[in-house]
């Protein structure tokens, strides 16, 4: 009974934090709390999300809730304290072990697996030689057991990296983000490497800085192209006009030359 009332308070508190004082038309939203346990690393994970936006994750080693939103609210005081989660984690592991034994006996249970899909992009518009952040977005993750690493020109990068926790999705898969602080220069090649070690599967996404055309040069080029197109269309119109007049003149001369003579 206490757990049920605590969950109700959690839902009310999180909805208030997520929606704030917005008064909009009623719409369908999903507030989810996902707990997973598995033989891989991490062995436990707990996340609270509003639609596809992760609000909180539970740091199992340090036994504390962490906000996943910039300047987001803190975890509601007195709601689902770490000691209260021990029952849920023990139940998850027990269910996993018992279902595995019932399904396959001493052998590991077969599981659905998704091949990760990675995409790399800049957080801010590109300016060569200026600090920026590369984002590696990894989707279609299942099970949630991948490692993300970065390379620049084929050399591993270890500084300036921030990994976020797994974000549960509506299709029962997971998404994960990794950030790399960079100062891009022309000719560099960055790669985000996603590895699922148990299956020895790796997916690589590349990003190469493309030198953007300066806005003043682009504006001049567009202006020049428009001017040239205008001149071309004017010449084409003049040519059509002269051709039409010439055809009309020849038609009149033809009619005069073949007019019947009266006797």
Protein backbone atom coordinates (compact mmCIF):
# COMPACT_ATOMS: atom_id res chain seq x y z
CA UNK A 1 0.00 0.00 0.00
CA UNK A 2 2.85 2.33 0.85
CA UNK A 3 4.54 1.52 -2.47
CA UNK A 4 1.33 2.32 -4.37
CA UNK A 5 0.91 5.68 -2.66
CA UNK A 6 4.60 6.42 -3.24
CA UNK A 7 4.22 5.69 -6.96
CA UNK A 8 1.19 7.98 -7.09
CA UNK A 9 3.17 10.78 -5.49
CA UNK A 10 6.02 10.10 -7.91
CA UNK A 11 3.74 10.40 -10.94
CA UNK A 12 2.23 13.64 -9.66
CA UNK A 13 5.62 15.15 -8.83
CA UNK A 14 7.23 14.19 -12.14
CA UNK A 15 4.29 15.34 -14.22
CA UNK A 16 4.38 18.66 -12.42
CA UNK A 17 8.11 18.99 -13.02
CA UNK A 18 7.84 18.04 -16.68
CA UNK A 19 4.79 20.09 -17.59
CA UNK A 20 5.29 23.01 -15.23
CA UNK A 21 2.59 25.61 -15.53
CA UNK A 22 1.86 25.00 -19.21
CA UNK A 23 -1.83 25.01 -20.03
CA UNK A 24 -2.24 23.49 -23.46
CA UNK A 25 -4.76 21.31 -25.24
CA UNK A 26 -5.03 17.79 -23.73
CA UNK A 27 -2.67 15.36 -25.47
CA UNK A 28 -1.41 11.85 -24.95
CA UNK A 29 1.86 11.48 -23.05
CA UNK A 30 3.71 8.57 -21.51
CA UNK A 31 5.49 8.62 -18.17
CA UNK A 32 7.59 5.46 -17.90
CA UNK A 33 9.82 3.95 -15.23
CA UNK A 34 11.97 1.17 -16.67
CA UNK A 35 14.03 -1.26 -14.59
CA UNK A 36 16.24 -3.81 -16.34
CA UNK A 37 18.58 -6.54 -15.11
CA UNK A 38 20.87 -8.64 -17.27
CA UNK A 39 24.07 -10.72 -17.21
CA UNK A 40 25.91 -7.98 -19.11
CA UNK A 41 27.34 -4.68 -17.90
CA UNK A 42 25.55 -2.74 -16.57
CA UNK A 43 23.80 -5.52 -14.70
CA UNK A 44 21.12 -3.12 -13.42
CA UNK A 45 19.52 0.00 -14.82
CA UNK A 46 16.65 2.22 -13.79
CA UNK A 47 15.32 5.21 -15.70
CA UNK A 48 12.34 7.56 -15.61
CA UNK A 49 11.27 9.19 -18.88
CA UNK A 50 8.49 11.49 -20.04
CA UNK A 51 7.65 10.48 -23.61
CA UNK A 52 11.13 10.08 -25.16
CA UNK A 53 12.80 12.61 -22.83
CA UNK A 54 14.78 11.07 -19.99
CA UNK A 55 14.11 12.86 -16.71
CA UNK A 56 16.06 10.79 -14.16
CA UNK A 57 18.36 7.80 -13.99
CA UNK A 58 19.45 5.82 -10.97
CA UNK A 59 23.18 5.56 -10.33
CA UNK A 60 23.37 2.00 -8.96
CA UNK A 61 27.02 2.03 -7.75
CA UNK A 62 26.48 5.27 -5.81
CA UNK A 63 22.82 4.51 -4.92
CA UNK A 64 21.41 7.90 -5.92
CA UNK A 65 19.01 9.46 -8.40
CA UNK A 66 20.50 11.76 -11.05
CA UNK A 67 18.66 14.38 -13.06
CA UNK A 68 19.25 14.06 -16.81
CA UNK A 69 17.87 17.48 -17.79
CA UNK A 70 20.02 20.63 -17.86
CA UNK A 71 19.01 22.63 -14.79
CA UNK A 72 16.28 20.04 -14.22
CA UNK A 73 14.50 19.52 -10.88
CA UNK A 74 15.94 17.26 -8.23
CA UNK A 75 14.42 13.89 -7.47
CA UNK A 76 11.32 14.34 -5.25
CA UNK A 77 12.31 14.01 -1.59
CA UNK A 78 11.00 10.91 0.15
CA UNK A 79 9.96 9.16 -3.09
CA UNK A 80 11.43 5.76 -3.97
CA UNK A 81 14.49 5.97 -1.81
CA UNK A 82 17.44 3.69 -2.67
CA UNK A 83 16.58 1.16 0.05
CA UNK A 84 13.07 0.84 -1.35
CA UNK A 85 14.48 -0.19 -4.73
CA UNK A 86 16.27 -3.26 -3.40
CA UNK A 87 13.04 -5.26 -3.52
CA UNK A 88 12.49 -4.36 -7.19
CA UNK A 89 16.04 -5.24 -8.20
CA UNK A 90 15.93 -8.58 -6.33
CA UNK A 91 12.60 -9.40 -7.97
CA UNK A 92 13.99 -8.54 -11.43
CA UNK A 93 16.97 -10.85 -10.99
CA UNK A 94 14.82 -13.64 -9.56
CA UNK A 95 12.38 -13.43 -12.46
CA UNK A 96 15.24 -13.47 -14.95
CA UNK A 97 16.82 -16.57 -13.39
CA UNK A 98 13.55 -18.47 -13.00
CA UNK A 99 12.28 -17.68 -16.50
CA UNK A 100 15.64 -18.69 -17.95
CA UNK A 101 15.51 -22.04 -16.11
CA UNK A 102 11.92 -22.71 -17.16
CA UNK A 103 12.64 -21.88 -20.80
CA UNK A 104 16.06 -23.39 -21.42
CA UNK A 105 17.25 -25.08 -18.23
CA UNK A 106 20.93 -24.50 -17.51
CA UNK A 107 21.53 -22.91 -20.91
CA UNK A 108 21.29 -19.14 -21.43
CA UNK A 109 17.90 -17.87 -22.57
CA UNK A 110 17.72 -16.81 -26.23
CA UNK A 111 17.08 -13.10 -26.54
CA UNK A 112 16.14 -10.62 -29.21
CA UNK A 113 19.04 -8.46 -30.32
CA UNK A 114 19.15 -5.23 -32.24
CA UNK A 115 22.08 -4.01 -34.32
CA UNK A 116 22.93 -0.49 -33.07
CA UNK A 117 22.51 2.42 -35.48
CA UNK A 118 24.85 5.38 -34.95
CA UNK A 119 24.79 8.93 -36.27
CA UNK A 120 27.34 11.70 -35.60
CA UNK A 121 26.61 15.42 -35.87
CA UNK A 122 27.71 18.76 -34.45
CA UNK A 123 25.83 20.33 -31.57
CA UNK A 124 26.43 23.87 -32.95
CA UNK A 125 26.97 25.23 -36.49
CA UNK A 126 30.46 24.48 -37.80
CA UNK A 127 33.20 27.09 -37.49
CA UNK A 128 36.64 25.69 -38.20
CA UNK A 129 39.10 26.36 -35.42
CA UNK A 130 36.43 27.10 -32.80
CA UNK A 131 35.38 24.79 -29.93
CA UNK A 132 32.29 22.70 -30.52
CA UNK A 133 30.75 19.38 -29.46
CA UNK A 134 30.27 16.24 -31.51
CA UNK A 135 27.21 14.16 -30.67
CA UNK A 136 27.04 10.41 -31.28
CA UNK A 137 23.42 9.27 -31.17
CA UNK A 138 23.03 5.49 -30.95
CA UNK A 139 19.62 3.90 -31.43
CA UNK A 140 18.13 0.43 -31.83
CA UNK A 141 20.01 -0.79 -28.76
CA UNK A 142 18.95 -4.11 -27.26
CA UNK A 143 20.12 -5.42 -24.90
CA UNK A 144 21.44 -2.23 -23.23
CA UNK A 145 25.05 -3.38 -23.17
CA UNK A 146 27.28 -1.37 -25.51
CA UNK A 147 30.47 0.64 -25.22
CA UNK A 148 31.03 3.90 -27.11
CA UNK A 149 34.51 5.17 -27.98
CA UNK A 150 35.88 7.98 -30.13
CA UNK A 151 38.79 8.31 -32.56
CA UNK A 152 40.34 11.26 -34.39
CA UNK A 153 42.29 10.35 -37.52
CA UNK A 154 42.35 6.73 -36.35
CA UNK A 155 43.83 7.58 -32.92
CA UNK A 156 41.73 6.86 -29.80
CA UNK A 157 40.47 9.94 -27.92
CA UNK A 158 39.94 9.74 -24.16
CA UNK A 159 39.61 13.38 -23.05
CA UNK A 160 36.50 15.53 -23.31
CA UNK A 161 34.06 12.61 -23.51
CA UNK A 162 30.69 12.48 -21.76
CA UNK A 163 28.49 9.37 -21.90
CA UNK A 164 24.83 9.47 -20.96
CA UNK A 165 22.86 6.56 -19.56
CA UNK A 166 20.49 4.37 -21.56
CA UNK A 167 17.18 5.98 -22.50
CA UNK A 168 14.20 3.57 -22.79
CA UNK A 169 12.13 3.88 -25.96
CA UNK A 170 8.53 2.98 -26.73
CA UNK A 171 9.60 0.04 -28.94
CA UNK A 172 11.22 -1.58 -25.85
CA UNK A 173 14.68 -0.76 -27.17
CA UNK A 174 17.11 1.84 -25.85
CA UNK A 175 18.96 4.93 -27.06
CA UNK A 176 22.22 6.37 -25.82
CA UNK A 177 24.18 9.58 -26.43
CA UNK A 178 27.89 10.30 -26.23
CA UNK A 179 29.48 13.76 -26.48
CA UNK A 180 32.99 14.72 -27.53
CA UNK A 181 34.46 18.21 -27.07
CA UNK A 182 36.28 19.14 -30.29
CA UNK A 183 37.93 22.02 -32.10
CA UNK A 184 37.46 20.89 -35.71
CA UNK A 185 39.98 21.60 -38.43
CA UNK A 186 39.86 20.87 -42.15
CA UNK A 187 41.00 17.37 -43.11
CA UNK A 188 40.27 15.70 -39.77
CA UNK A 189 38.22 12.48 -39.56
CA UNK A 190 36.26 11.71 -36.41
CA UNK A 191 34.70 8.33 -35.74
CA UNK A 192 32.26 7.08 -33.12
CA UNK A 193 32.70 3.36 -32.48
CA UNK A 194 29.84 1.41 -30.92
CA UNK A 195 30.75 -2.06 -29.68
CA UNK A 196 28.69 -4.90 -28.26
CA UNK A 197 31.46 -7.00 -26.75
CA UNK A 198 29.51 -10.19 -26.04
CA UNK A 199 28.73 -10.62 -29.76
CA UNK A 200 31.92 -8.93 -31.02
CA UNK A 201 29.85 -6.50 -33.10
CA UNK A 202 31.05 -2.99 -33.90
CA UNK A 203 29.32 -0.16 -35.73
CA UNK A 204 31.29 2.92 -36.84
CA UNK A 205 29.90 6.34 -37.75
CA UNK A 206 32.21 8.97 -39.29
CA UNK A 207 32.17 12.75 -39.34
CA UNK A 208 34.42 14.96 -41.50
CA UNK A 209 34.37 18.76 -41.12
CA UNK A 210 33.33 20.39 -44.37
CA UNK A 211 34.65 23.93 -44.77
CA UNK A 212 31.49 26.06 -44.99
CA UNK A 213 31.26 28.82 -47.60
CA UNK A 214 31.45 32.26 -45.92
CA UNK A 215 28.09 34.01 -45.92
CA UNK A 216 29.38 37.08 -47.82
CA UNK A 217 30.93 34.89 -50.52
CA UNK A 218 27.74 32.85 -50.76
CA UNK A 219 25.64 36.01 -51.01
CA UNK A 220 27.86 37.39 -53.80
CA UNK A 221 27.72 34.09 -55.66
CA UNK A 222 23.93 33.95 -55.44
CA UNK A 223 23.64 37.60 -56.51
CA UNK A 224 25.93 36.98 -59.48
CA UNK A 225 23.99 33.89 -60.53
CA UNK A 226 20.67 35.74 -60.31
CA UNK A 227 22.08 38.66 -62.37
CA UNK A 228 23.44 36.31 -65.02
CA UNK A 229 20.12 34.48 -65.18
CA UNK A 230 18.29 37.78 -65.57
CA UNK A 231 20.54 38.87 -68.44
CA UNK A 232 20.13 35.49 -70.12
CA UNK A 233 16.33 35.66 -69.87
CA UNK A 234 16.36 39.26 -71.21
CA UNK A 235 18.46 38.24 -74.23
CA UNK A 236 16.22 35.24 -74.83
CA UNK A 237 13.10 37.44 -74.74
CA UNK A 238 14.70 39.98 -77.09
CA UNK A 239 15.66 37.22 -79.50
CA UNK A 240 12.12 35.81 -79.52
CA UNK A 241 10.69 39.30 -80.10
CA UNK A 242 13.00 39.98 -83.08
CA UNK A 243 12.25 36.56 -84.52
CA UNK A 244 8.51 37.18 -84.26
CA UNK A 245 8.81 40.60 -85.96
CA UNK A 246 11.00 39.20 -88.72
CA UNK A 247 8.48 36.43 -89.40
CA UNK A 248 5.66 38.96 -89.57
CA UNK A 249 7.62 41.15 -92.05
CA UNK A 250 8.37 38.21 -94.35
CA UNK A 251 4.72 37.25 -94.25
CA UNK A 252 3.64 40.69 -95.40
CA UNK A 253 6.18 40.72 -98.26
CA UNK A 254 5.00 37.30 -99.33
CA UNK A 255 1.41 38.43 -99.52
CA UNK A 256 2.37 41.48 -101.65
CA UNK A 257 4.44 39.42 -104.01
CA UNK A 258 1.61 36.95 -104.76
CA UNK A 259 -1.30 39.41 -104.94
CA UNK A 260 -3.46 38.79 -108.11
CA UNK A 261 -3.28 41.31 -111.00
CA UNK A 262 -6.47 42.91 -112.27
CA UNK A 263 -6.99 43.37 -116.01
